[in-house]
Amino acid sequence: GNAFSGADIAGENARFGHQVLNAVRRPSYFVKRYASQSTLPSTFSVYTRQAQRANLAVPAKSRDARKHRYLMSLGDPGKIHPFLAIEAKRDPPFINVVEDSYLNMVKEGVIVVRRALVRVEATTKTAHFQDGSSFRFGTMICATGYRCDLSFLPKNVLDAIQYKPDDLIQPVLMLEAVFPKDVAGLAFVGVYRGQFFAALELQARWVAQVASGRLEPPNPDELKLAIEAEAAIREMSPRPQFPRPDFVGMCDKIARRISVYPVKALGASGEEDQLEEKSNRGPPALSSLQITGSWKQACNGHGRDRIGI
């Protein structure tokens, strides 16, 4: 695996003197964990409202090409190693946020890169790759993603959420990965493939407010439309890196639902303009929530005994 975990694990093992071979199934752009001359993670400059609005202003068919151009301007991985090369017409613009040391180690030959593992001979501990090469290994680490195991749920619930355990992108179909259709009183938090904890925080607040009676649950028509949209994501080809690439939009939609979007929470128009300008520059993880008292108010005096955590 060569995504976030795979690249990091390869780099860590190589740093401690181990001989490392990293199998790459699908190439991706490598983004430095920290932007140049900044103490903030580079993703904090990507997942902002300003960036989101600029992206939405571009026609949908042109967004991948625009993203390719931007990421290629940060560095062409194909110049580090041919097996990391990306063809814009063939490959989707996947990103991989890593420490700088990974690419340096590949360049220096400390980490050997191969394209796509084809088969493994367990008895001889030999891995065979798409380019015809092979490698005898001592330990194999599979950084190939996680499968969502909800098999403990009753069959009627699994049918309602259209559970597909082998689907690593979209194993379940629910409104904002929270509320299923036709299962009253059930909600999920964190069962989605995505970035950052802001979404999980907002999902949890939404569930708490619905369970406590402060908010009405989503209506059947809304759920029906949402499930249809989620099913369409499941059928996309090529498959996206994340089912909800508009992370900022997802967070802001939930924030508005539960009245914690910052601009709505203030009164004076001047304060709103000032806060909106400030929050546009930061990621939802830092600047999209009106936090004070929200969680406490969601629970206290509103059926706390009905909320299971």
C-alpha atoms as a PDB file:
ATOM      1  CA  GLY A   1       0.000   0.000   0.000  1.00  0.00           C
ATOM      2  CA  ASN A   2       1.172   3.498  -0.791  1.00  0.00           C
ATOM      3  CA  ALA A   3      -1.464   5.767   0.663  1.00  0.00           C
ATOM      4  CA  PHE A   4      -1.163   7.697   3.925  1.00  0.00           C
ATOM      5  CA  SER A   5      -0.365   4.775   6.230  1.00  0.00           C
ATOM      6  CA  GLY A   6       1.651   2.744   3.719  1.00  0.00           C
ATOM      7  CA  ALA A   7       4.030   5.573   2.837  1.00  0.00           C
ATOM      8  CA  ASP A   8       4.489   6.517   6.499  1.00  0.00           C
ATOM      9  CA  ILE A   9       5.161   2.905   7.565  1.00  0.00           C
ATOM     10  CA  ALA A  10       7.653   2.456   4.730  1.00  0.00           C
ATOM     11  CA  GLY A  11       9.476   5.617   5.756  1.00  0.00           C
ATOM     12  CA  GLU A  12       9.569   4.702   9.436  1.00  0.00           C
ATOM     13  CA  ASN A  13      10.954   1.221   8.770  1.00  0.00           C
ATOM     14  CA  ALA A  14      13.590   2.541   6.362  1.00  0.00           C
ATOM     15  CA  ARG A  15      14.633   5.145   8.902  1.00  0.00           C
ATOM     16  CA  PHE A  16      15.511   2.350  11.330  1.00  0.00           C
ATOM     17  CA  GLY A  17      17.744   0.611   8.812  1.00  0.00           C
ATOM     18  CA  HIS A  18      15.349  -2.019   7.451  1.00  0.00           C
ATOM     19  CA  GLN A  19      15.400  -2.926   3.762  1.00  0.00           C
ATOM     20  CA  VAL A  20      12.000  -1.744   2.509  1.00  0.00           C
ATOM     21  CA  LEU A  21      10.103  -2.418  -0.697  1.00  0.00           C
ATOM     22  CA  ASN A  22       6.908  -0.421  -1.212  1.00  0.00           C
ATOM     23  CA  ALA A  23       4.307  -1.802  -3.663  1.00  0.00           C
ATOM     24  CA  VAL A  24       2.305   0.928  -5.421  1.00  0.00           C
ATOM     25  CA  ARG A  25      -1.047  -0.038  -6.930  1.00  0.00           C
ATOM     26  CA  ARG A  26      -2.220   3.450  -7.851  1.00  0.00           C
ATOM     27  CA  PRO A  27       0.104   6.467  -8.046  1.00  0.00           C
ATOM     28  CA  SER A  28      -0.699   9.635  -6.148  1.00  0.00           C
ATOM     29  CA  TYR A  29       0.686  13.085  -5.584  1.00  0.00           C
ATOM     30  CA  PHE A  30       2.811  13.554  -2.500  1.00  0.00           C
ATOM     31  CA  VAL A  31       2.135  16.655  -0.442  1.00  0.00           C
ATOM     32  CA  LYS A  32       4.526  17.653   2.300  1.00  0.00           C
ATOM     33  CA  ARG A  33       2.950  17.385   5.717  1.00  0.00           C
ATOM     34  CA  TYR A  34       3.933  20.936   6.567  1.00  0.00           C
ATOM     35  CA  ALA A  35       3.806  23.709   4.014  1.00  0.00           C
ATOM     36  CA  SER A  36       7.009  25.603   3.362  1.00  0.00           C
ATOM     37  CA  GLN A  37       7.899  28.034   6.173  1.00  0.00           C
ATOM     38  CA  SER A  38       4.733  27.169   8.080  1.00  0.00           C
ATOM     39  CA  THR A  39       4.005  25.479  11.395  1.00  0.00           C
ATOM     40  CA  LEU A  40       0.535  24.471  10.182  1.00  0.00           C
ATOM     41  CA  PRO A  41      -0.153  21.194   8.344  1.00  0.00           C
ATOM     42  CA  SER A  42      -0.425  21.707   4.594  1.00  0.00           C
ATOM     43  CA  THR A  43      -3.983  20.340   4.531  1.00  0.00           C
ATOM     44  CA  PHE A  44      -5.056  23.356   6.591  1.00  0.00           C
ATOM     45  CA  SER A  45      -4.449  25.518   3.527  1.00  0.00           C
ATOM     46  CA  VAL A  46      -6.328  23.119   1.242  1.00  0.00           C
ATOM     47  CA  TYR A  47      -9.550  22.493   3.197  1.00  0.00           C
ATOM     48  CA  THR A  48     -10.724  26.091   3.601  1.00  0.00           C
ATOM     49  CA  ARG A  49     -13.855  27.873   2.470  1.00  0.00           C
ATOM     50  CA  GLN A  50     -11.814  30.070   0.171  1.00  0.00           C
ATOM     51  CA  ALA A  51     -10.365  27.022  -1.586  1.00  0.00           C
ATOM     52  CA  GLN A  52     -13.765  25.340  -1.695  1.00  0.00           C
ATOM     53  CA  ARG A  53     -15.440  28.334  -3.340  1.00  0.00           C
ATOM     54  CA  ALA A  54     -12.667  28.622  -5.904  1.00  0.00           C
ATOM     55  CA  ASN A  55     -13.068  24.927  -6.725  1.00  0.00           C
ATOM     56  CA  LEU A  56     -16.864  25.115  -7.026  1.00  0.00           C
ATOM     57  CA  ALA A  57     -16.508  28.085  -9.394  1.00  0.00           C
ATOM     58  CA  VAL A  58     -14.845  25.742 -11.900  1.00  0.00           C
ATOM     59  CA  PRO A  59     -17.111  23.489 -14.041  1.00  0.00           C
ATOM     60  CA  ALA A  60     -17.259  19.969 -12.581  1.00  0.00           C
ATOM     61  CA  LYS A  61     -15.634  18.394 -15.669  1.00  0.00           C
ATOM     62  CA  SER A  62     -12.625  20.709 -15.307  1.00  0.00           C
ATOM     63  CA  ARG A  63     -11.986  20.241 -11.583  1.00  0.00           C
ATOM     64  CA  ASP A  64      -9.784  17.159 -11.887  1.00  0.00           C
ATOM     65  CA  ALA A  65      -7.635  18.856 -14.529  1.00  0.00           C
ATOM     66  CA  ARG A  66      -7.334  21.934 -12.323  1.00  0.00           C
ATOM     67  CA  LYS A  67      -6.365  19.787  -9.346  1.00  0.00           C
ATOM     68  CA  HIS A  68      -3.800  17.911 -11.449  1.00  0.00           C
ATOM     69  CA  ARG A  69      -2.176  21.201 -12.499  1.00  0.00           C
ATOM     70  CA  TYR A  70      -2.019  22.491  -8.939  1.00  0.00           C
ATOM     71  CA  LEU A  71      -0.624  19.282  -7.431  1.00  0.00           C
ATOM     72  CA  MET A  72       1.893  18.862 -10.245  1.00  0.00           C
ATOM     73  CA  SER A  73       3.125  22.392  -9.488  1.00  0.00           C
ATOM     74  CA  LEU A  74       4.031  21.172  -5.993  1.00  0.00           C
ATOM     75  CA  GLY A  75       6.220  18.414  -7.414  1.00  0.00           C
ATOM     76  CA  ASP A  76       6.077  15.682 -10.051  1.00  0.00           C
ATOM     77  CA  PRO A  77       6.455  12.288  -8.289  1.00  0.00           C
ATOM     78  CA  GLY A  78       7.430  10.736 -11.629  1.00  0.00           C
ATOM     79  CA  LYS A  79      10.729  12.627 -11.442  1.00  0.00           C
ATOM     80  CA  ILE A  80      11.502  10.797  -8.199  1.00  0.00           C
ATOM     81  CA  HIS A  81      10.712   7.334  -9.584  1.00  0.00           C
ATOM     82  CA  PRO A  82       9.026   6.159 -12.813  1.00  0.00           C
ATOM     83  CA  PHE A  83       6.649   3.887 -10.901  1.00  0.00           C
ATOM     84  CA  LEU A  84       5.289   6.993  -9.134  1.00  0.00           C
ATOM     85  CA  ALA A  85       4.532   8.789 -12.415  1.00  0.00           C
ATOM     86  CA  ILE A  86       0.984  10.073 -12.901  1.00  0.00           C
ATOM     87  CA  GLU A  87      -0.852  10.342 -16.227  1.00  0.00           C
ATOM     88  CA  ALA A  88      -3.523  13.012 -15.878  1.00  0.00           C
ATOM     89  CA  LYS A  89      -5.760  11.443 -18.544  1.00  0.00           C
ATOM     90  CA  ARG A  90      -5.624   8.028 -16.851  1.00  0.00           C
ATOM     91  CA  ASP A  91      -5.122   8.603 -13.126  1.00  0.00           C
ATOM     92  CA  PRO A  92      -7.443  10.514 -10.788  1.00  0.00           C
ATOM     93  CA  PRO A  93      -5.735  13.274  -8.765  1.00  0.00           C
ATOM     94  CA  PHE A  94      -5.227  11.348  -5.523  1.00  0.00           C
ATOM     95  CA  ILE A  95      -3.132  12.984  -2.831  1.00  0.00           C
ATOM     96  CA  ASN A  96      -0.903  11.483  -0.176  1.00  0.00           C
ATOM     97  CA  VAL A  97       0.321  13.609   2.721  1.00  0.00           C
ATOM     98  CA  VAL A  98       3.706  12.362   3.936  1.00  0.00           C
ATOM     99  CA  GLU A  99       6.850  13.403   5.697  1.00  0.00           C
ATOM    100  CA  ASP A 100       9.557  14.739   3.386  1.00  0.00           C
ATOM    101  CA  SER A 101      11.802  11.772   4.199  1.00  0.00           C
ATOM    102  CA  TYR A 102       9.716   9.262   2.191  1.00  0.00           C
ATOM    103  CA  LEU A 103      10.414  10.803  -1.214  1.00  0.00           C
ATOM    104  CA  ASN A 104      14.053  11.420  -0.294  1.00  0.00           C
ATOM    105  CA  MET A 105      14.451   7.753   0.638  1.00  0.00           C
ATOM    106  CA  VAL A 106      12.867   6.643  -2.644  1.00  0.00           C
ATOM    107  CA  LYS A 107      15.179   8.964  -4.556  1.00  0.00           C
ATOM    108  CA  GLU A 108      18.222   7.599  -2.733  1.00  0.00           C
ATOM    109  CA  GLY A 109      17.127   3.984  -3.233  1.00  0.00           C
ATOM    110  CA  VAL A 110      16.656   3.353   0.490  1.00  0.00           C
ATOM    111  CA  ILE A 111      13.008   2.534  -0.276  1.00  0.00           C
ATOM    112  CA  VAL A 112      12.547   0.386  -3.406  1.00  0.00           C
ATOM    113  CA  VAL A 113       9.301   1.011  -5.313  1.00  0.00           C
ATOM    114  CA  ARG A 114       7.414  -1.572  -7.375  1.00  0.00           C
ATOM    115  CA  ARG A 115       4.083  -1.361  -9.200  1.00  0.00           C
ATOM    116  CA  ALA A 116       1.196  -3.546  -7.964  1.00  0.00           C
ATOM    117  CA  LEU A 117       1.604  -6.780  -6.040  1.00  0.00           C
ATOM    118  CA  VAL A 118       0.365  -9.665  -8.218  1.00  0.00           C
ATOM    119  CA  ARG A 119       0.802 -12.724  -6.005  1.00  0.00           C
ATOM    120  CA  VAL A 120       2.630 -14.021  -2.944  1.00  0.00           C
ATOM    121  CA  GLU A 121       4.297 -17.399  -2.433  1.00  0.00           C
ATOM    122  CA  ALA A 122       3.840 -17.989   1.271  1.00  0.00           C
ATOM    123  CA  THR A 123       6.193 -20.977   1.536  1.00  0.00           C
ATOM    124  CA  THR A 124       9.174 -19.096   0.102  1.00  0.00           C
ATOM    125  CA  LYS A 125       8.057 -15.654   1.295  1.00  0.00           C
ATOM    126  CA  THR A 126       8.340 -14.273  -2.217  1.00  0.00           C
ATOM    127  CA  ALA A 127       6.280 -11.385  -3.583  1.00  0.00           C
ATOM    128  CA  HIS A 128       5.738 -11.044  -7.333  1.00  0.00           C
ATOM    129  CA  PHE A 129       4.941  -7.701  -8.949  1.00  0.00           C
ATOM    130  CA  GLN A 130       3.250  -6.371 -12.058  1.00  0.00           C
ATOM    131  CA  ASP A 131       6.550  -5.506 -13.757  1.00  0.00           C
ATOM    132  CA  GLY A 132       7.702  -9.149 -13.541  1.00  0.00           C
ATOM    133  CA  SER A 133      10.128  -8.624 -10.668  1.00  0.00           C
ATOM    134  CA  SER A 134      10.063 -10.520  -7.375  1.00  0.00           C
ATOM    135  CA  PHE A 135      11.275  -9.890  -3.829  1.00  0.00           C
ATOM    136  CA  ARG A 136      11.920 -12.212  -0.902  1.00  0.00           C
ATOM    137  CA  PHE A 137      10.642 -10.659   2.277  1.00  0.00           C
ATOM    138  CA  GLY A 138      10.883 -11.255   5.997  1.00  0.00           C
ATOM    139  CA  THR A 139       7.711  -9.378   6.997  1.00  0.00           C
ATOM    140  CA  MET A 140       4.791  -8.164   4.899  1.00  0.00           C
ATOM    141  CA  ILE A 141       2.699  -5.226   6.125  1.00  0.00           C
ATOM    142  CA  CYS A 142      -0.639  -4.763   4.377  1.00  0.00           C
ATOM    143  CA  ALA A 143      -1.538  -1.069   4.407  1.00  0.00           C
ATOM    144  CA  THR A 144      -4.441  -1.579   2.031  1.00  0.00           C
ATOM    145  CA  GLY A 145      -7.279   0.121   3.877  1.00  0.00           C
ATOM    146  CA  TYR A 146      -9.923  -0.943   6.377  1.00  0.00           C
ATOM    147  CA  ARG A 147     -13.096  -2.921   5.945  1.00  0.00           C
ATOM    148  CA  CYS A 148     -16.126  -1.731   7.853  1.00  0.00           C
ATOM    149  CA  ASP A 149     -17.446  -4.652   9.936  1.00  0.00           C
ATOM    150  CA  LEU A 150     -21.071  -4.109  10.957  1.00  0.00           C
ATOM    151  CA  SER A 151     -22.000  -7.793  10.836  1.00  0.00           C
ATOM    152  CA  PHE A 152     -23.192  -7.648  14.458  1.00  0.00           C
ATOM    153  CA  LEU A 153     -26.250  -5.633  13.380  1.00  0.00           C
ATOM    154  CA  PRO A 154     -29.568  -7.376  12.610  1.00  0.00           C
ATOM    155  CA  LYS A 155     -30.206  -8.311   8.983  1.00  0.00           C
ATOM    156  CA  ASN A 156     -33.072  -5.828   8.602  1.00  0.00           C
ATOM    157  CA  VAL A 157     -30.704  -2.993   9.606  1.00  0.00           C
ATOM    158  CA  LEU A 158     -27.938  -4.228   7.285  1.00  0.00           C
ATOM    159  CA  ASP A 159     -30.463  -4.333   4.442  1.00  0.00           C
ATOM    160  CA  ALA A 160     -31.690  -0.827   5.266  1.00  0.00           C
ATOM    161  CA  ILE A 161     -28.188   0.666   5.164  1.00  0.00           C
ATOM    162  CA  GLN A 162     -27.363  -1.432   2.047  1.00  0.00           C
ATOM    163  CA  TYR A 163     -24.267  -2.801   3.739  1.00  0.00           C
ATOM    164  CA  LYS A 164     -21.408  -3.956   1.480  1.00  0.00           C
ATOM    165  CA  PRO A 165     -18.467  -4.996   3.691  1.00  0.00           C
ATOM    166  CA  ASP A 166     -16.034  -5.326   0.766  1.00  0.00           C
ATOM    167  CA  ASP A 167     -16.659  -1.778  -0.452  1.00  0.00           C
ATOM    168  CA  LEU A 168     -13.799   0.277   1.013  1.00  0.00           C
ATOM    169  CA  ILE A 169     -15.180   3.576  -0.299  1.00  0.00           C
ATOM    170  CA  GLN A 170     -18.906   3.387   0.437  1.00  0.00           C
ATOM    171  CA  PRO A 171     -19.768   0.365   2.638  1.00  0.00           C
ATOM    172  CA  VAL A 172     -23.082   1.879   3.823  1.00  0.00           C
ATOM    173  CA  LEU A 173     -25.613   4.354   2.420  1.00  0.00           C
ATOM    174  CA  MET A 174     -26.883   7.005   4.843  1.00  0.00           C
ATOM    175  CA  LEU A 175     -27.600  10.728   4.952  1.00  0.00           C
ATOM    176  CA  GLU A 176     -24.211  12.409   5.577  1.00  0.00           C
ATOM    177  CA  ALA A 177     -23.027   8.960   6.772  1.00  0.00           C
ATOM    178  CA  VAL A 178     -25.199   9.435   9.879  1.00  0.00           C
ATOM    179  CA  PHE A 179     -28.910   8.657   9.449  1.00  0.00           C
ATOM    180  CA  PRO A 180     -30.148   5.533   7.615  1.00  0.00           C
ATOM    181  CA  LYS A 181     -33.455   5.180   5.851  1.00  0.00           C
ATOM    182  CA  ASP A 182     -36.311   3.195   7.442  1.00  0.00           C
ATOM    183  CA  VAL A 183     -34.543   2.578  10.780  1.00  0.00           C
ATOM    184  CA  ALA A 184     -35.991   4.933  13.379  1.00  0.00           C
ATOM    185  CA  GLY A 185     -33.816   5.793  16.370  1.00  0.00           C
ATOM    186  CA  LEU A 186     -30.545   4.642  14.799  1.00  0.00           C
ATOM    187  CA  ALA A 187     -27.632   6.890  13.864  1.00  0.00           C
ATOM    188  CA  PHE A 188     -23.915   6.472  13.183  1.00  0.00           C
ATOM    189  CA  VAL A 189     -20.877   8.617  13.938  1.00  0.00           C
ATOM    190  CA  GLY A 190     -17.525   8.221  12.206  1.00  0.00           C
ATOM    191  CA  VAL A 191     -18.560   5.520   9.726  1.00  0.00           C
ATOM    192  CA  TYR A 192     -17.246   7.342   6.710  1.00  0.00           C
ATOM    193  CA  ARG A 193     -14.023   7.544   4.756  1.00  0.00           C
ATOM    194  CA  GLY A 194     -12.764  11.075   5.102  1.00  0.00           C
ATOM    195  CA  GLN A 195     -10.457  13.610   6.655  1.00  0.00           C
ATOM    196  CA  PHE A 196     -10.171  15.302  10.038  1.00  0.00           C
ATOM    197  CA  PHE A 197     -12.187  15.150  13.224  1.00  0.00           C
ATOM    198  CA  ALA A 198     -14.384  18.189  12.569  1.00  0.00           C
ATOM    199  CA  ALA A 199     -16.871  16.006  10.677  1.00  0.00           C
ATOM    200  CA  LEU A 200     -17.006  13.467  13.522  1.00  0.00           C
ATOM    201  CA  GLU A 201     -17.569  16.236  16.078  1.00  0.00           C
ATOM    202  CA  LEU A 202     -20.401  17.675  14.021  1.00  0.00           C
ATOM    203  CA  GLN A 203     -21.980  14.273  13.391  1.00  0.00           C
ATOM    204  CA  ALA A 204     -21.908  13.578  17.135  1.00  0.00           C
ATOM    205  CA  ARG A 205     -23.560  16.909  17.944  1.00  0.00           C
ATOM    206  CA  TRP A 206     -26.235  16.304  15.321  1.00  0.00           C
ATOM    207  CA  VAL A 207     -27.037  12.863  16.719  1.00  0.00           C
ATOM    208  CA  ALA A 208     -27.134  14.229  20.276  1.00  0.00           C
ATOM    209  CA  GLN A 209     -29.562  16.994  19.307  1.00  0.00           C
ATOM    210  CA  VAL A 210     -31.885  14.607  17.473  1.00  0.00           C
ATOM    211  CA  ALA A 211     -31.746  12.005  20.265  1.00  0.00           C
ATOM    212  CA  SER A 212     -32.446  14.663  22.891  1.00  0.00           C
ATOM    213  CA  GLY A 213     -35.448  16.025  21.019  1.00  0.00           C
ATOM    214  CA  ARG A 214     -33.973  19.437  20.239  1.00  0.00           C
ATOM    215  CA  LEU A 215     -33.999  18.687  16.526  1.00  0.00           C
ATOM    216  CA  GLU A 216     -36.359  16.656  14.370  1.00  0.00           C
ATOM    217  CA  PRO A 217     -34.829  13.659  12.589  1.00  0.00           C
ATOM    218  CA  PRO A 218     -34.452  13.930   8.799  1.00  0.00           C
ATOM    219  CA  ASN A 219     -37.751  13.396   7.001  1.00  0.00           C
ATOM    220  CA  PRO A 220     -38.353  10.378   4.704  1.00  0.00           C
ATOM    221  CA  ASP A 221     -38.202  12.399   1.471  1.00  0.00           C
ATOM    222  CA  GLU A 222     -34.852  13.909   2.434  1.00  0.00           C
ATOM    223  CA  LEU A 223     -33.496  10.483   3.355  1.00  0.00           C
ATOM    224  CA  LYS A 224     -34.681   8.979   0.057  1.00  0.00           C
ATOM    225  CA  LEU A 225     -32.909  11.638  -2.009  1.00  0.00           C
ATOM    226  CA  ALA A 226     -29.755  11.372   0.105  1.00  0.00           C
ATOM    227  CA  ILE A 227     -29.580   7.581  -0.250  1.00  0.00           C
ATOM    228  CA  GLU A 228     -29.941   7.877  -4.034  1.00  0.00           C
ATOM    229  CA  ALA A 229     -27.022  10.326  -4.100  1.00  0.00           C
ATOM    230  CA  GLU A 230     -24.945   8.035  -1.879  1.00  0.00           C
ATOM    231  CA  ALA A 231     -25.692   5.064  -4.161  1.00  0.00           C
ATOM    232  CA  ALA A 232     -24.475   7.094  -7.148  1.00  0.00           C
ATOM    233  CA  ILE A 233     -21.125   7.640  -5.396  1.00  0.00           C
ATOM    234  CA  ARG A 234     -20.832   3.872  -4.940  1.00  0.00           C
ATOM    235  CA  GLU A 235     -21.173   3.369  -8.702  1.00  0.00           C
ATOM    236  CA  MET A 236     -18.679   6.045  -9.783  1.00  0.00           C
ATOM    237  CA  SER A 237     -15.906   5.021 -12.178  1.00  0.00           C
ATOM    238  CA  PRO A 238     -13.083   5.633 -11.663  1.00  0.00           C
ATOM    239  CA  ARG A 239     -13.692   5.398  -7.955  1.00  0.00           C
ATOM    240  CA  PRO A 240     -12.910   8.551  -5.966  1.00  0.00           C
ATOM    241  CA  GLN A 241     -10.254   8.686  -3.265  1.00  0.00           C
ATOM    242  CA  PHE A 242     -12.900   9.878  -0.797  1.00  0.00           C
ATOM    243  CA  PRO A 243     -16.691   9.556  -1.184  1.00  0.00           C
ATOM    244  CA  ARG A 244     -17.115  13.146   0.053  1.00  0.00           C
ATOM    245  CA  PRO A 245     -14.221  15.150  -1.370  1.00  0.00           C
ATOM    246  CA  ASP A 246     -15.976  18.416  -0.472  1.00  0.00           C
ATOM    247  CA  PHE A 247     -15.020  18.078   3.191  1.00  0.00           C
ATOM    248  CA  VAL A 248     -15.634  21.770   3.872  1.00  0.00           C
ATOM    249  CA  GLY A 249     -19.115  21.647   2.358  1.00  0.00           C
ATOM    250  CA  MET A 250     -20.021  18.533   4.343  1.00  0.00           C
ATOM    251  CA  CYS A 251     -18.954  20.126   7.627  1.00  0.00           C
ATOM    252  CA  ASP A 252     -20.699  23.419   6.918  1.00  0.00           C
ATOM    253  CA  LYS A 253     -23.970  21.699   5.962  1.00  0.00           C
ATOM    254  CA  ILE A 254     -24.101  19.845   9.268  1.00  0.00           C
ATOM    255  CA  ALA A 255     -22.972  22.963  11.173  1.00  0.00           C
ATOM    256  CA  ARG A 256     -25.894  24.930   9.729  1.00  0.00           C
ATOM    257  CA  ARG A 257     -28.325  22.132  10.595  1.00  0.00           C
ATOM    258  CA  ILE A 258     -27.377  22.242  14.251  1.00  0.00           C
ATOM    259  CA  SER A 259     -26.895  26.044  14.443  1.00  0.00           C
ATOM    260  CA  VAL A 260     -23.165  26.061  15.114  1.00  0.00           C
ATOM    261  CA  TYR A 261     -22.071  27.653  11.846  1.00  0.00           C
ATOM    262  CA  PRO A 262     -20.148  30.705  13.141  1.00  0.00           C
ATOM    263  CA  VAL A 263     -21.745  33.464  11.071  1.00  0.00           C
ATOM    264  CA  LYS A 264     -25.257  32.412  12.059  1.00  0.00           C
ATOM    265  CA  ALA A 265     -24.261  32.421  15.704  1.00  0.00           C
ATOM    266  CA  LEU A 266     -23.366  36.136  15.824  1.00  0.00           C
ATOM    267  CA  GLY A 267     -25.625  39.143  15.826  1.00  0.00           C
ATOM    268  CA  ALA A 268     -24.069  42.359  14.552  1.00  0.00           C
ATOM    269  CA  SER A 269     -23.469  42.426  10.809  1.00  0.00           C
ATOM    270  CA  GLY A 270     -19.986  43.878  11.240  1.00  0.00           C
ATOM    271  CA  GLU A 271     -19.040  41.005  13.524  1.00  0.00           C
ATOM    272  CA  GLU A 272     -20.471  38.544  11.013  1.00  0.00           C
ATOM    273  CA  ASP A 273     -18.392  39.978   8.174  1.00  0.00           C
ATOM    274  CA  GLN A 274     -15.263  39.936  10.294  1.00  0.00           C
ATOM    275  CA  LEU A 275     -15.791  36.373  11.471  1.00  0.00           C
ATOM    276  CA  GLU A 276     -16.742  35.139   8.015  1.00  0.00           C
ATOM    277  CA  GLU A 277     -13.555  36.577   6.523  1.00  0.00           C
ATOM    278  CA  LYS A 278     -11.474  34.999   9.304  1.00  0.00           C
ATOM    279  CA  SER A 279     -13.211  31.609   9.141  1.00  0.00           C
ATOM    280  CA  ASN A 280     -12.922  31.466   5.342  1.00  0.00           C
ATOM    281  CA  ARG A 281      -9.148  31.318   5.659  1.00  0.00           C
ATOM    282  CA  GLY A 282      -9.052  28.427   8.115  1.00  0.00           C
ATOM    283  CA  PRO A 283     -10.140  24.788   7.953  1.00  0.00           C
ATOM    284  CA  PRO A 284     -13.431  23.596   9.508  1.00  0.00           C
ATOM    285  CA  ALA A 285     -11.353  21.752  12.105  1.00  0.00           C
ATOM    286  CA  LEU A 286     -10.370  25.117  13.581  1.00  0.00           C
ATOM    287  CA  SER A 287     -12.794  27.779  12.529  1.00  0.00           C
ATOM    288  CA  SER A 288     -16.217  26.574  11.472  1.00  0.00           C
ATOM    289  CA  LEU A 289     -17.866  25.914  14.820  1.00  0.00           C
ATOM    290  CA  GLN A 290     -19.539  28.097  17.390  1.00  0.00           C
ATOM    291  CA  ILE A 291     -18.377  25.879  20.244  1.00  0.00           C
ATOM    292  CA  THR A 292     -19.293  27.613  23.486  1.00  0.00           C
ATOM    293  CA  GLY A 293     -21.921  25.659  25.356  1.00  0.00           C
ATOM    294  CA  SER A 294     -23.249  23.856  22.284  1.00  0.00           C
ATOM    295  CA  TRP A 295     -22.558  20.304  23.455  1.00  0.00           C
ATOM    296  CA  LYS A 296     -23.728  21.011  26.989  1.00  0.00           C
ATOM    297  CA  GLN A 297     -26.934  22.651  25.734  1.00  0.00           C
ATOM    298  CA  ALA A 298     -27.552  19.740  23.385  1.00  0.00           C
ATOM    299  CA  CYS A 299     -27.715  17.311  26.291  1.00  0.00           C
ATOM    300  CA  ASN A 300     -28.759  19.113  29.492  1.00  0.00           C
ATOM    301  CA  GLY A 301     -32.442  19.038  30.194  1.00  0.00           C
ATOM    302  CA  HIS A 302     -33.351  17.449  26.881  1.00  0.00           C
ATOM    303  CA  GLY A 303     -33.748  13.760  27.497  1.00  0.00           C
ATOM    304  CA  ARG A 304     -30.158  13.004  28.480  1.00  0.00           C
ATOM    305  CA  ASP A 305     -31.193   9.499  29.530  1.00  0.00           C
ATOM    306  CA  ARG A 306     -32.078   8.683  25.915  1.00  0.00           C
ATOM    307  CA  ILE A 307     -28.608   9.371  24.548  1.00  0.00           C
ATOM    308  CA  GLY A 308     -26.363   6.311  24.443  1.00  0.00           C
ATOM    309  CA  ILE A 309     -22.648   7.043  24.011  1.00  0.00           C
END
